């Protein structure tokens, strides 16, 4: 079978939201009022840390698809002031979030044990608070949230090949700025900065899903110990170290793009490595100059740059059944699934969605039951399910 990115069609039931006159949709989606709707129509579980588990109404998959959002809509009314990555979250909240992640991923692996039958992924994309609210492609909910998705591989095998030039696929590595011009220093910085025991570097071949051919060219790490390692708090600390390394690289690079020969930022996580590996590397500085020079003469190009760290970080299962961590630069408009070569074409089709809905809800309620048993929240009642599991 030909390897290549796949485009699948996923039905959804149209959401009956009344957007106030004079507001754009993505402005309304960031409001407390909209988040109330998210809770009342799709909320599964909420805890004291304001972590909300919910069904994805505009989902990626009808097999298994849910998210956890750090719902700060009532505690931080300024959408631009809300946390958009894990490094901005209080330790006690992150501790609970990591436990929720572990339980949901464990369920996915238990429910779909065969790597050749299901593609499993969990992770988050940053919602960069430096974007203007009205910019095209701005994520609809400007709060940190992650995704848990399962795609049956039979569905992917039957799907048509996606256009390889689809712009939403281009941050998979082959067109990425980091990969195209700074590949060696990018990987070298991770190797020097990160002190990892549970995560070990994975080869591109080991990381790649053969069916789609993705990810492409990204730094990846195998989780030694597999699912059991996710029960170890040290794994989640290492998972955050990968993110911190990415943030240092990203911020340092764009500080040089912004200002010629800028001094090292005062709040980097790995100052010694930033100084010795990045700021003394000719390819790194040459690439920053290339981008800076283009920004000066190309307004559209400059406007598209995300000056603050924009990323996708994933845990997924490879073809051999190993759990892999990868991280990528995030571009405008693309979905987290596209990092693994899956393009989702969502279509409004209430009847088609209804055929999948009972089984989907059954799986989501089982996950909710396990989280409640672990004292990680209380059930939410909606028009589709009761507060307590049957």
Protein backbone atom coordinates (compact mmCIF):
# COMPACT_ATOMS: atom_id res chain seq x y z
CA UNK A 1 0.00 0.00 0.00
CA UNK A 2 1.27 3.46 -0.91
CA UNK A 3 2.55 5.48 2.03
CA UNK A 4 1.36 9.07 2.26
CA UNK A 5 -0.77 11.49 4.26
CA UNK A 6 -4.45 10.56 4.40
CA UNK A 7 -7.55 12.74 4.24
CA UNK A 8 -10.55 11.38 6.09
CA UNK A 9 -14.11 12.69 6.29
CA UNK A 10 -15.55 13.11 9.80
CA UNK A 11 -19.22 14.05 10.30
CA UNK A 12 -20.40 16.34 13.07
CA UNK A 13 -23.70 17.62 14.38
CA UNK A 14 -23.98 21.40 13.79
CA UNK A 15 -23.68 23.36 17.04
CA UNK A 16 -26.70 25.64 17.70
CA UNK A 17 -24.79 28.71 18.88
CA UNK A 18 -26.13 32.23 18.52
CA UNK A 19 -23.19 34.56 18.04
CA UNK A 20 -24.10 38.11 19.11
CA UNK A 21 -24.46 40.58 16.27
CA UNK A 22 -21.25 42.41 15.53
CA UNK A 23 -18.96 39.69 16.95
CA UNK A 24 -16.78 37.42 14.86
CA UNK A 25 -17.06 33.69 15.61
CA UNK A 26 -13.53 33.40 16.98
CA UNK A 27 -14.15 36.39 19.27
CA UNK A 28 -17.26 34.74 20.71
CA UNK A 29 -15.53 31.37 21.08
CA UNK A 30 -13.14 32.92 23.60
CA UNK A 31 -15.95 34.25 25.79
CA UNK A 32 -17.15 32.89 29.12
CA UNK A 33 -20.62 32.54 27.59
CA UNK A 34 -19.34 30.11 24.96
CA UNK A 35 -17.47 28.06 27.55
CA UNK A 36 -20.71 27.72 29.48
CA UNK A 37 -22.17 26.13 26.36
CA UNK A 38 -19.19 23.81 26.08
CA UNK A 39 -19.82 22.59 29.62
CA UNK A 40 -23.60 22.25 29.37
CA UNK A 41 -23.70 20.50 25.97
CA UNK A 42 -20.46 18.53 25.87
CA UNK A 43 -18.97 18.55 29.38
CA UNK A 44 -18.15 15.16 30.88
CA UNK A 45 -16.22 15.96 34.06
CA UNK A 46 -14.97 18.98 35.99
CA UNK A 47 -12.65 19.20 39.00
CA UNK A 48 -11.59 21.81 41.56
CA UNK A 49 -8.53 22.66 39.47
CA UNK A 50 -10.85 23.89 36.66
CA UNK A 51 -9.79 21.06 34.36
CA UNK A 52 -12.75 20.20 32.16
CA UNK A 53 -13.04 16.92 30.24
CA UNK A 54 -15.37 17.30 27.28
CA UNK A 55 -16.49 15.65 24.08
CA UNK A 56 -15.16 17.30 20.95
CA UNK A 57 -18.27 18.57 19.19
CA UNK A 58 -16.25 19.41 16.06
CA UNK A 59 -14.16 16.32 16.38
CA UNK A 60 -11.31 14.64 14.57
CA UNK A 61 -12.65 11.11 14.97
CA UNK A 62 -15.97 9.42 15.68
CA UNK A 63 -14.13 6.46 17.24
CA UNK A 64 -12.65 8.19 20.29
CA UNK A 65 -12.18 11.93 20.65
CA UNK A 66 -12.12 14.12 23.74
CA UNK A 67 -10.13 16.95 25.28
CA UNK A 68 -9.18 18.39 28.63
CA UNK A 69 -9.20 22.18 28.80
CA UNK A 70 -7.83 24.34 31.59
CA UNK A 71 -11.03 26.34 31.82
CA UNK A 72 -9.88 29.72 33.11
CA UNK A 73 -12.72 31.57 31.36
CA UNK A 74 -14.27 32.68 34.65
CA UNK A 75 -11.07 33.28 36.60
CA UNK A 76 -9.12 35.12 33.86
CA UNK A 77 -11.52 37.19 31.78
CA UNK A 78 -8.76 38.59 29.55
CA UNK A 79 -8.35 35.97 26.77
CA UNK A 80 -4.80 37.18 26.15
CA UNK A 81 -3.86 36.54 29.78
CA UNK A 82 -4.81 32.87 29.96
CA UNK A 83 -2.24 30.05 30.10
CA UNK A 84 -1.48 28.66 26.66
CA UNK A 85 1.18 26.07 27.50
CA UNK A 86 2.01 23.77 30.40
CA UNK A 87 4.96 25.85 31.58
CA UNK A 88 2.44 28.56 32.57
CA UNK A 89 0.33 26.23 34.73
CA UNK A 90 0.61 25.96 38.52
CA UNK A 91 2.29 22.77 39.74
CA UNK A 92 -0.77 21.49 41.60
CA UNK A 93 -2.91 21.84 38.47
CA UNK A 94 -0.27 20.20 36.30
CA UNK A 95 0.01 17.30 38.75
CA UNK A 96 -3.71 16.56 38.44
CA UNK A 97 -3.60 17.06 34.68
CA UNK A 98 -0.77 14.54 34.31
CA UNK A 99 -2.73 11.94 36.27
CA UNK A 100 -5.75 12.52 34.03
CA UNK A 101 -3.54 12.13 30.96
CA UNK A 102 -2.11 8.88 32.25
CA UNK A 103 -5.52 7.35 32.92
CA UNK A 104 -6.98 8.34 29.55
CA UNK A 105 -3.95 7.12 27.59
CA UNK A 106 -4.03 3.84 29.54
CA UNK A 107 -7.68 3.39 28.56
CA UNK A 108 -6.92 4.04 24.90
CA UNK A 109 -4.12 1.47 24.91
CA UNK A 110 -6.31 -1.07 26.73
CA UNK A 111 -9.30 -0.53 24.43
CA UNK A 112 -7.15 -0.58 21.26
CA UNK A 113 -4.25 -2.94 22.02
CA UNK A 114 -3.17 -3.67 18.42
CA UNK A 115 -0.88 -1.07 16.85
CA UNK A 116 -1.79 -2.23 13.34
CA UNK A 117 -5.50 -1.61 14.01
CA UNK A 118 -5.57 1.83 15.64
CA UNK A 119 -3.53 5.04 15.56
CA UNK A 120 -3.52 6.50 19.07
CA UNK A 121 -2.37 10.01 19.94
CA UNK A 122 -2.49 12.39 22.89
CA UNK A 123 -1.02 15.83 23.16
CA UNK A 124 -1.49 19.54 22.84
CA UNK A 125 -0.88 22.45 20.55
CA UNK A 126 -0.03 25.86 21.96
CA UNK A 127 -2.63 28.57 21.61
CA UNK A 128 -0.37 31.54 21.12
CA UNK A 129 -1.77 34.55 22.96
CA UNK A 130 0.17 36.97 20.78
CA UNK A 131 -2.11 36.44 17.79
CA UNK A 132 -4.72 39.15 17.28
CA UNK A 133 -8.13 37.73 18.11
CA UNK A 134 -9.38 38.46 14.60
CA UNK A 135 -6.52 36.82 12.71
CA UNK A 136 -7.58 34.06 10.30
CA UNK A 137 -6.88 30.62 11.69
CA UNK A 138 -6.72 31.66 15.33
CA UNK A 139 -7.66 28.68 17.52
CA UNK A 140 -11.27 28.99 18.58
CA UNK A 141 -10.71 28.59 22.32
CA UNK A 142 -7.71 30.50 23.63
CA UNK A 143 -6.98 28.31 26.62
CA UNK A 144 -4.57 25.45 27.09
CA UNK A 145 -6.20 22.19 26.10
CA UNK A 146 -5.07 18.82 24.89
CA UNK A 147 -6.51 16.09 22.70
CA UNK A 148 -7.04 12.34 22.93
CA UNK A 149 -7.82 10.77 19.57
CA UNK A 150 -8.07 7.29 18.08
CA UNK A 151 -8.25 6.61 14.33
CA UNK A 152 -9.05 3.07 13.13
CA UNK A 153 -6.25 2.22 10.70
CA UNK A 154 -8.70 0.50 8.40
CA UNK A 155 -10.36 3.87 7.93
CA UNK A 156 -6.99 5.46 7.18
CA UNK A 157 -6.08 2.72 4.71
CA UNK A 158 -9.35 3.26 2.86
CA UNK A 159 -8.99 7.05 2.86
CA UNK A 160 -7.72 8.91 -0.16
CA UNK A 161 -4.21 10.32 -0.20
CA UNK A 162 -4.07 13.93 0.92
CA UNK A 163 -2.40 16.60 -1.17
CA UNK A 164 1.23 16.54 -0.07
CA UNK A 165 1.39 20.30 -0.69
CA UNK A 166 -1.48 20.96 1.71
CA UNK A 167 -0.13 23.90 3.76
CA UNK A 168 -1.44 22.32 6.93
CA UNK A 169 1.02 19.46 6.49
CA UNK A 170 4.09 21.59 6.01
CA UNK A 171 5.16 21.85 9.63
CA UNK A 172 5.63 18.08 9.77
CA UNK A 173 9.32 18.71 9.16
CA UNK A 174 10.04 18.82 5.44
CA UNK A 175 9.23 22.51 5.01
CA UNK A 176 9.78 23.71 8.55
CA UNK A 177 12.15 26.59 9.02
CA UNK A 178 13.93 24.75 11.82
CA UNK A 179 14.37 21.58 9.79
CA UNK A 180 15.29 23.24 6.51
CA UNK A 181 18.09 25.48 7.75
CA UNK A 182 19.01 24.52 11.32
CA UNK A 183 18.49 20.78 11.56
CA UNK A 184 21.84 19.93 13.15
CA UNK A 185 21.87 22.74 15.71
CA UNK A 186 18.22 22.08 16.55
CA UNK A 187 18.84 18.44 17.41
CA UNK A 188 22.22 19.19 18.94
CA UNK A 189 20.66 21.67 21.33
CA UNK A 190 18.19 19.05 22.59
CA UNK A 191 21.01 16.56 23.04
CA UNK A 192 23.12 19.01 25.05
CA UNK A 193 20.37 20.64 27.10
CA UNK A 194 18.19 17.72 28.14
CA UNK A 195 19.13 15.24 30.85
CA UNK A 196 16.72 12.37 30.15
CA UNK A 197 16.47 8.92 31.73
CA UNK A 198 13.04 7.63 30.66
CA UNK A 199 13.02 9.22 27.21
CA UNK A 200 15.65 8.07 24.72
CA UNK A 201 16.19 9.46 21.20
CA UNK A 202 14.27 7.58 18.51
CA UNK A 203 15.33 7.26 14.88
CA UNK A 204 13.18 8.79 12.14
CA UNK A 205 12.32 5.29 10.93
CA UNK A 206 11.20 4.25 14.41
CA UNK A 207 9.09 7.37 14.85
CA UNK A 208 7.39 7.26 11.46
CA UNK A 209 3.92 5.78 10.89
CA UNK A 210 4.43 3.73 7.71
CA UNK A 211 0.87 4.22 6.49
CA UNK A 212 1.11 8.02 6.37
CA UNK A 213 4.87 8.57 6.24
CA UNK A 214 4.69 11.02 9.15
CA UNK A 215 6.14 12.55 11.30
CA UNK A 216 8.89 13.80 9.00
CA UNK A 217 12.21 15.06 10.24
CA UNK A 218 11.24 15.83 13.82
CA UNK A 219 13.21 15.12 17.00
CA UNK A 220 11.51 12.16 18.67
CA UNK A 221 12.02 10.09 21.79
CA UNK A 222 10.89 6.59 22.78
CA UNK A 223 9.22 6.25 26.19
CA UNK A 224 11.23 3.46 27.79
CA UNK A 225 8.87 1.27 29.77
CA UNK A 226 5.86 2.12 27.62
CA UNK A 227 2.53 2.74 29.32
CA UNK A 228 3.90 1.88 32.77
CA UNK A 229 6.34 4.78 32.50
CA UNK A 230 3.40 7.20 32.30
CA UNK A 231 2.61 6.26 35.91
CA UNK A 232 6.01 7.64 36.94
CA UNK A 233 5.98 11.34 37.81
CA UNK A 234 9.54 11.59 36.44
CA UNK A 235 8.26 10.85 32.95
CA UNK A 236 6.02 13.92 33.04
CA UNK A 237 8.92 16.01 34.28
CA UNK A 238 10.97 14.84 31.30
CA UNK A 239 8.01 15.53 29.01
CA UNK A 240 8.11 19.12 30.28
CA UNK A 241 11.88 19.29 29.79
CA UNK A 242 11.36 18.59 26.08
CA UNK A 243 8.90 21.49 25.95
CA UNK A 244 11.28 23.79 27.84
CA UNK A 245 14.07 22.98 25.41
CA UNK A 246 11.81 23.75 22.48
CA UNK A 247 10.71 27.04 24.06
CA UNK A 248 14.34 28.10 24.62
CA UNK A 249 15.20 27.34 21.00
CA UNK A 250 12.14 29.08 19.60
CA UNK A 251 12.36 32.22 21.76
CA UNK A 252 16.11 32.57 21.25
CA UNK A 253 15.78 32.24 17.49
CA UNK A 254 13.01 34.79 17.13
CA UNK A 255 14.76 37.21 19.49
CA UNK A 256 17.62 37.18 16.97
CA UNK A 257 15.15 37.61 14.11
CA UNK A 258 13.63 40.59 15.87
CA UNK A 259 16.88 42.30 16.88
CA UNK A 260 20.35 41.93 15.37
CA UNK A 261 22.78 40.39 17.87
CA UNK A 262 20.20 40.47 20.68
CA UNK A 263 21.51 39.54 24.14
CA UNK A 264 20.51 36.21 25.62
CA UNK A 265 17.02 36.34 27.06
CA UNK A 266 17.11 36.65 30.86
CA UNK A 267 14.64 33.86 31.63
CA UNK A 268 15.73 30.90 29.48
CA UNK A 269 15.65 27.43 31.04
CA UNK A 270 19.07 26.31 29.75
CA UNK A 271 21.30 29.42 29.68
CA UNK A 272 24.64 27.61 29.26
CA UNK A 273 23.42 25.64 26.25
CA UNK A 274 21.69 28.66 24.72
CA UNK A 275 24.94 30.59 24.89
CA UNK A 276 27.31 27.86 23.73
CA UNK A 277 25.15 25.94 21.25
CA UNK A 278 22.76 28.51 19.77
CA UNK A 279 24.25 31.98 19.99
CA UNK A 280 27.65 30.75 18.80
CA UNK A 281 26.32 28.75 15.84
CA UNK A 282 26.76 30.32 12.41
CA UNK A 283 23.86 28.46 10.79
CA UNK A 284 21.54 29.57 13.58
CA UNK A 285 22.54 33.22 13.29
CA UNK A 286 22.60 33.13 9.49
CA UNK A 287 19.05 31.79 9.38
CA UNK A 288 17.86 34.47 11.80
CA UNK A 289 19.33 37.11 9.47
CA UNK A 290 17.59 35.51 6.48
CA UNK A 291 14.21 35.72 8.21
CA UNK A 292 14.86 39.24 9.54
CA UNK A 293 15.81 40.56 6.11
CA UNK A 294 12.63 39.13 4.59
CA UNK A 295 10.45 40.56 7.36
CA UNK A 296 11.72 44.03 6.54
CA UNK A 297 10.54 43.86 2.91
CA UNK A 298 7.62 41.39 3.05
CA UNK A 299 4.75 42.59 5.25
CA UNK A 300 2.62 39.49 4.71
CA UNK A 301 5.47 37.19 5.68
CA UNK A 302 6.25 39.24 8.78
CA UNK A 303 2.60 39.27 9.86
CA UNK A 304 2.39 35.46 9.68
CA UNK A 305 5.27 34.91 12.11
CA UNK A 306 4.34 33.70 15.56
CA UNK A 307 6.86 35.52 17.69
CA UNK A 308 6.13 33.58 20.86
CA UNK A 309 6.61 29.80 21.22
CA UNK A 310 4.13 27.91 19.07
CA UNK A 311 4.29 24.13 19.25
CA UNK A 312 2.61 20.77 19.05
CA UNK A 313 3.77 18.06 21.46
CA UNK A 314 2.52 14.52 21.08
CA UNK A 315 2.55 11.11 22.68
CA UNK A 316 1.58 8.47 20.12
CA UNK A 317 2.01 4.77 19.40
CA UNK A 318 4.28 3.75 16.54
CA UNK A 319 3.87 0.74 14.25
CA UNK A 320 5.84 -1.50 16.63
CA UNK A 321 3.63 -0.59 19.58
CA UNK A 322 6.18 1.70 21.24
CA UNK A 323 5.12 5.04 22.69
CA UNK A 324 6.87 8.00 21.09
CA UNK A 325 7.12 11.67 22.09
CA UNK A 326 7.69 14.31 19.45
CA UNK A 327 7.47 18.10 19.25
CA UNK A 328 7.05 20.44 16.31
CA UNK A 329 6.83 24.06 15.40
CA UNK A 330 3.16 25.02 14.99
CA UNK A 331 1.86 26.95 12.00
CA UNK A 332 -1.38 28.75 11.41
CA UNK A 333 -4.47 26.68 10.82
CA UNK A 334 -3.18 23.13 11.09
CA UNK A 335 -4.53 20.46 13.38
CA UNK A 336 -2.64 18.30 15.83
CA UNK A 337 -3.49 15.18 13.80
CA UNK A 338 -1.64 16.52 10.78
CA UNK A 339 1.65 16.05 12.61
CA UNK A 340 1.01 12.34 12.00
CA UNK A 341 -0.17 12.87 8.43
CA UNK A 342 -3.93 12.71 9.05
CA UNK A 343 -5.96 15.54 7.48
CA UNK A 344 -9.52 15.69 8.82
CA UNK A 345 -12.25 17.07 6.59
CA UNK A 346 -15.14 17.84 8.92
CA UNK A 347 -18.60 17.91 7.35
CA UNK A 348 -21.98 18.78 8.95
CA UNK A 349 -24.03 15.58 8.88
CA UNK A 350 -26.19 15.00 11.94
CA UNK A 351 -27.53 11.65 10.73
CA UNK A 352 -24.07 10.21 10.05
CA UNK A 353 -22.79 11.46 13.42
CA UNK A 354 -25.80 9.93 15.19
CA UNK A 355 -24.84 6.49 13.91
CA UNK A 356 -21.51 6.70 15.73
CA UNK A 357 -22.67 8.66 18.77
CA UNK A 358 -23.90 5.90 21.15
CA UNK A 359 -20.67 3.90 20.95
CA UNK A 360 -18.53 7.03 21.17
CA UNK A 361 -20.37 8.28 24.25
CA UNK A 362 -20.10 4.83 25.83
CA UNK A 363 -16.32 4.95 25.57
CA UNK A 364 -16.15 8.52 26.88
CA UNK A 365 -18.31 7.65 29.87
CA UNK A 366 -16.05 4.72 30.70
CA UNK A 367 -13.07 7.09 30.76
CA UNK A 368 -15.08 9.45 32.97
CA UNK A 369 -15.88 6.61 35.38
CA UNK A 370 -12.18 5.81 35.80
CA UNK A 371 -11.31 9.46 36.42
CA UNK A 372 -14.05 9.80 39.05
CA UNK A 373 -12.83 6.63 40.80
CA UNK A 374 -9.33 8.15 40.93
CA UNK A 375 -10.78 11.29 42.63
CA UNK A 376 -10.01 13.43 39.60
CA UNK A 377 -13.36 15.16 39.23
CA UNK A 378 -17.13 15.01 39.29
CA UNK A 379 -19.47 14.06 36.48
CA UNK A 380 -21.42 16.67 34.50
CA UNK A 381 -24.98 16.14 33.33
CA UNK A 382 -25.95 17.17 29.79
CA UNK A 383 -28.81 16.40 27.45
CA UNK A 384 -26.82 13.40 26.21
CA UNK A 385 -25.67 11.72 29.46
CA UNK A 386 -26.46 11.79 33.22
CA UNK A 387 -24.24 13.15 35.97
CA UNK A 388 -23.40 9.68 37.19
CA UNK A 389 -22.57 6.69 35.00
CA UNK A 390 -25.30 4.07 34.68
